[in-house]
Amino acid sequence: MMRDLLLAFALVLIIEGILPALKPDAWRRAVEQVSQMPDRSIRIGGVFLVLVGAFMFHLVR
């Protein structure tokens, strides 16, 4: 179980690091755009991603 959790965390780090490593300017612009969005929009997007991730996890498991 702990091994799976560490592998999942490693995969998140790899995926999160791809855009800043390959296109730092595009990543910076995206972060600037997100920083100007209202909190409510960011929260809704985050909840949506959590739900999609939980659904995918349920399907795979």
N, C-alpha and C. Protein backbone atom coordinates (compact mmCIF):
# COMPACT_ATOMS: atom_id res chain seq x y z
N MET A 1 0.83 -1.20 0.00
CA MET A 1 0.00 0.00 0.00
C MET A 1 0.87 1.26 0.00
N MET A 2 1.86 1.30 0.89
CA MET A 2 2.74 2.47 0.97
C MET A 2 3.54 2.62 -0.33
N ARG A 3 3.93 1.50 -0.91
CA ARG A 3 4.68 1.54 -2.17
C ARG A 3 3.82 2.15 -3.27
N ASP A 4 2.55 1.77 -3.34
CA ASP A 4 1.64 2.32 -4.34
C ASP A 4 1.47 3.82 -4.15
N LEU A 5 1.35 4.25 -2.91
CA LEU A 5 1.19 5.67 -2.62
C LEU A 5 2.43 6.45 -3.06
N LEU A 6 3.60 5.92 -2.78
CA LEU A 6 4.84 6.59 -3.19
C LEU A 6 4.97 6.62 -4.71
N LEU A 7 4.57 5.54 -5.39
CA LEU A 7 4.61 5.53 -6.85
C LEU A 7 3.64 6.56 -7.43
N ALA A 8 2.45 6.67 -6.84
CA ALA A 8 1.48 7.66 -7.30
C ALA A 8 2.03 9.07 -7.11
N PHE A 9 2.64 9.32 -5.97
CA PHE A 9 3.22 10.64 -5.70
C PHE A 9 4.35 10.94 -6.68
N ALA A 10 5.18 9.95 -6.98
CA ALA A 10 6.26 10.13 -7.95
C ALA A 10 5.70 10.46 -9.33
N LEU A 11 4.63 9.80 -9.72
CA LEU A 11 4.01 10.07 -11.01
C LEU A 11 3.45 11.49 -11.06
N VAL A 12 2.84 11.95 -9.99
CA VAL A 12 2.34 13.33 -9.93
C VAL A 12 3.49 14.31 -10.11
N LEU A 13 4.61 14.07 -9.44
CA LEU A 13 5.76 14.97 -9.57
C LEU A 13 6.29 14.99 -11.01
N ILE A 14 6.33 13.83 -11.64
CA ILE A 14 6.80 13.76 -13.03
C ILE A 14 5.87 14.55 -13.94
N ILE A 15 4.57 14.32 -13.81
CA ILE A 15 3.60 15.00 -14.66
C ILE A 15 3.62 16.51 -14.41
N GLU A 16 3.68 16.91 -13.15
CA GLU A 16 3.70 18.34 -12.81
C GLU A 16 4.98 19.02 -13.31
N GLY A 17 6.06 18.29 -13.44
CA GLY A 17 7.32 18.89 -13.84
C GLY A 17 7.54 18.96 -15.34
N ILE A 18 6.71 18.29 -16.12
CA ILE A 18 6.92 18.25 -17.57
C ILE A 18 6.80 19.63 -18.21
N LEU A 19 5.71 20.35 -17.95
CA LEU A 19 5.50 21.65 -18.60
C LEU A 19 6.56 22.68 -18.21
N PRO A 20 6.86 22.87 -16.91
CA PRO A 20 7.91 23.85 -16.60
C PRO A 20 9.28 23.46 -17.17
N ALA A 21 9.53 22.17 -17.30
CA ALA A 21 10.82 21.75 -17.85
C ALA A 21 10.91 21.99 -19.35
N LEU A 22 9.81 21.77 -20.07
CA LEU A 22 9.84 21.89 -21.53
C LEU A 22 9.48 23.29 -22.03
N LYS A 23 8.53 23.94 -21.38
CA LYS A 23 8.06 25.25 -21.82
C LYS A 23 7.90 26.20 -20.63
N PRO A 24 9.00 26.68 -20.06
CA PRO A 24 8.89 27.53 -18.87
C PRO A 24 8.09 28.81 -19.09
N ASP A 25 8.18 29.40 -20.29
CA ASP A 25 7.42 30.64 -20.54
C ASP A 25 5.92 30.37 -20.55
N ALA A 26 5.50 29.29 -21.20
CA ALA A 26 4.08 28.94 -21.23
C ALA A 26 3.58 28.60 -19.83
N TRP A 27 4.41 27.92 -19.05
CA TRP A 27 4.03 27.58 -17.67
C TRP A 27 3.85 28.85 -16.85
N ARG A 28 4.77 29.81 -17.00
CA ARG A 28 4.69 31.06 -16.26
C ARG A 28 3.41 31.83 -16.62
N ARG A 29 3.08 31.88 -17.92
CA ARG A 29 1.85 32.56 -18.34
C ARG A 29 0.62 31.88 -17.77
N ALA A 30 0.61 30.55 -17.76
CA ALA A 30 -0.53 29.81 -17.22
C ALA A 30 -0.70 30.09 -15.73
N VAL A 31 0.41 30.12 -15.00
CA VAL A 31 0.35 30.39 -13.55
C VAL A 31 -0.15 31.82 -13.31
N GLU A 32 0.30 32.76 -14.13
CA GLU A 32 -0.17 34.15 -13.99
C GLU A 32 -1.67 34.24 -14.25
N GLN A 33 -2.16 33.52 -15.26
CA GLN A 33 -3.59 33.55 -15.56
C GLN A 33 -4.40 32.93 -14.43
N VAL A 34 -3.93 31.83 -13.89
CA VAL A 34 -4.64 31.19 -12.78
C VAL A 34 -4.63 32.09 -11.56
N SER A 35 -3.54 32.79 -11.32
CA SER A 35 -3.46 33.66 -10.14
C SER A 35 -4.46 34.81 -10.21
N GLN A 36 -4.93 35.14 -11.40
CA GLN A 36 -5.89 36.23 -11.55
C GLN A 36 -7.34 35.74 -11.57
N MET A 37 -7.55 34.43 -11.53
CA MET A 37 -8.91 33.89 -11.52
C MET A 37 -9.51 34.04 -10.13
N PRO A 38 -10.83 34.15 -10.06
CA PRO A 38 -11.49 34.22 -8.74
C PRO A 38 -11.31 32.90 -7.98
N ASP A 39 -11.26 33.01 -6.65
CA ASP A 39 -11.09 31.82 -5.82
C ASP A 39 -12.15 30.77 -6.11
N ARG A 40 -13.37 31.21 -6.33
CA ARG A 40 -14.48 30.28 -6.57
C ARG A 40 -14.21 29.42 -7.81
N SER A 41 -13.70 30.01 -8.87
CA SER A 41 -13.41 29.27 -10.09
C SER A 41 -12.30 28.24 -9.87
N ILE A 42 -11.28 28.65 -9.15
CA ILE A 42 -10.18 27.73 -8.86
C ILE A 42 -10.67 26.58 -7.99
N ARG A 43 -11.51 26.90 -7.00
CA ARG A 43 -12.06 25.87 -6.11
C ARG A 43 -12.92 24.88 -6.89
N ILE A 44 -13.78 25.38 -7.77
CA ILE A 44 -14.64 24.50 -8.57
C ILE A 44 -13.79 23.60 -9.46
N GLY A 45 -12.76 24.17 -10.07
CA GLY A 45 -11.85 23.36 -10.90
C GLY A 45 -11.15 22.29 -10.08
N GLY A 46 -10.72 22.65 -8.88
CA GLY A 46 -10.05 21.68 -8.01
C GLY A 46 -10.97 20.56 -7.58
N VAL A 47 -12.21 20.90 -7.23
CA VAL A 47 -13.18 19.87 -6.84
C VAL A 47 -13.46 18.95 -8.02
N PHE A 48 -13.60 19.52 -9.21
CA PHE A 48 -13.83 18.73 -10.40
C PHE A 48 -12.68 17.74 -10.63
N LEU A 49 -11.44 18.22 -10.50
CA LEU A 49 -10.29 17.34 -10.70
C LEU A 49 -10.24 16.23 -9.65
N VAL A 50 -10.57 16.55 -8.42
CA VAL A 50 -10.61 15.54 -7.37
C VAL A 50 -11.65 14.47 -7.70
N LEU A 51 -12.83 14.90 -8.13
CA LEU A 51 -13.88 13.94 -8.46
C LEU A 51 -13.50 13.06 -9.65
N VAL A 52 -12.92 13.65 -10.68
CA VAL A 52 -12.48 12.86 -11.84
C VAL A 52 -11.40 11.87 -11.41
N GLY A 53 -10.45 12.33 -10.61
CA GLY A 53 -9.39 11.45 -10.14
C GLY A 53 -9.93 10.32 -9.28
N ALA A 54 -10.87 10.61 -8.40
CA ALA A 54 -11.46 9.57 -7.55
C ALA A 54 -12.22 8.56 -8.39
N PHE A 55 -12.95 9.05 -9.41
CA PHE A 55 -13.68 8.15 -10.30
C PHE A 55 -12.73 7.24 -11.07
N MET A 56 -11.65 7.82 -11.60
CA MET A 56 -10.66 7.02 -12.33
C MET A 56 -10.00 6.00 -11.41
N PHE A 57 -9.69 6.43 -10.19
CA PHE A 57 -9.08 5.52 -9.22
C PHE A 57 -10.02 4.35 -8.94
N HIS A 58 -11.31 4.65 -8.79
CA HIS A 58 -12.31 3.61 -8.51
C HIS A 58 -12.40 2.63 -9.68
N LEU A 59 -12.36 3.15 -10.92
CA LEU A 59 -12.43 2.28 -12.09
C LEU A 59 -11.22 1.35 -12.20
N VAL A 60 -10.06 1.89 -11.93
CA VAL A 60 -8.83 1.10 -12.05
C VAL A 60 -8.69 0.09 -10.92
N ARG A 61 -9.04 0.50 -9.73
CA ARG A 61 -8.92 -0.37 -8.56
C ARG A 61 -10.01 -1.40 -8.63
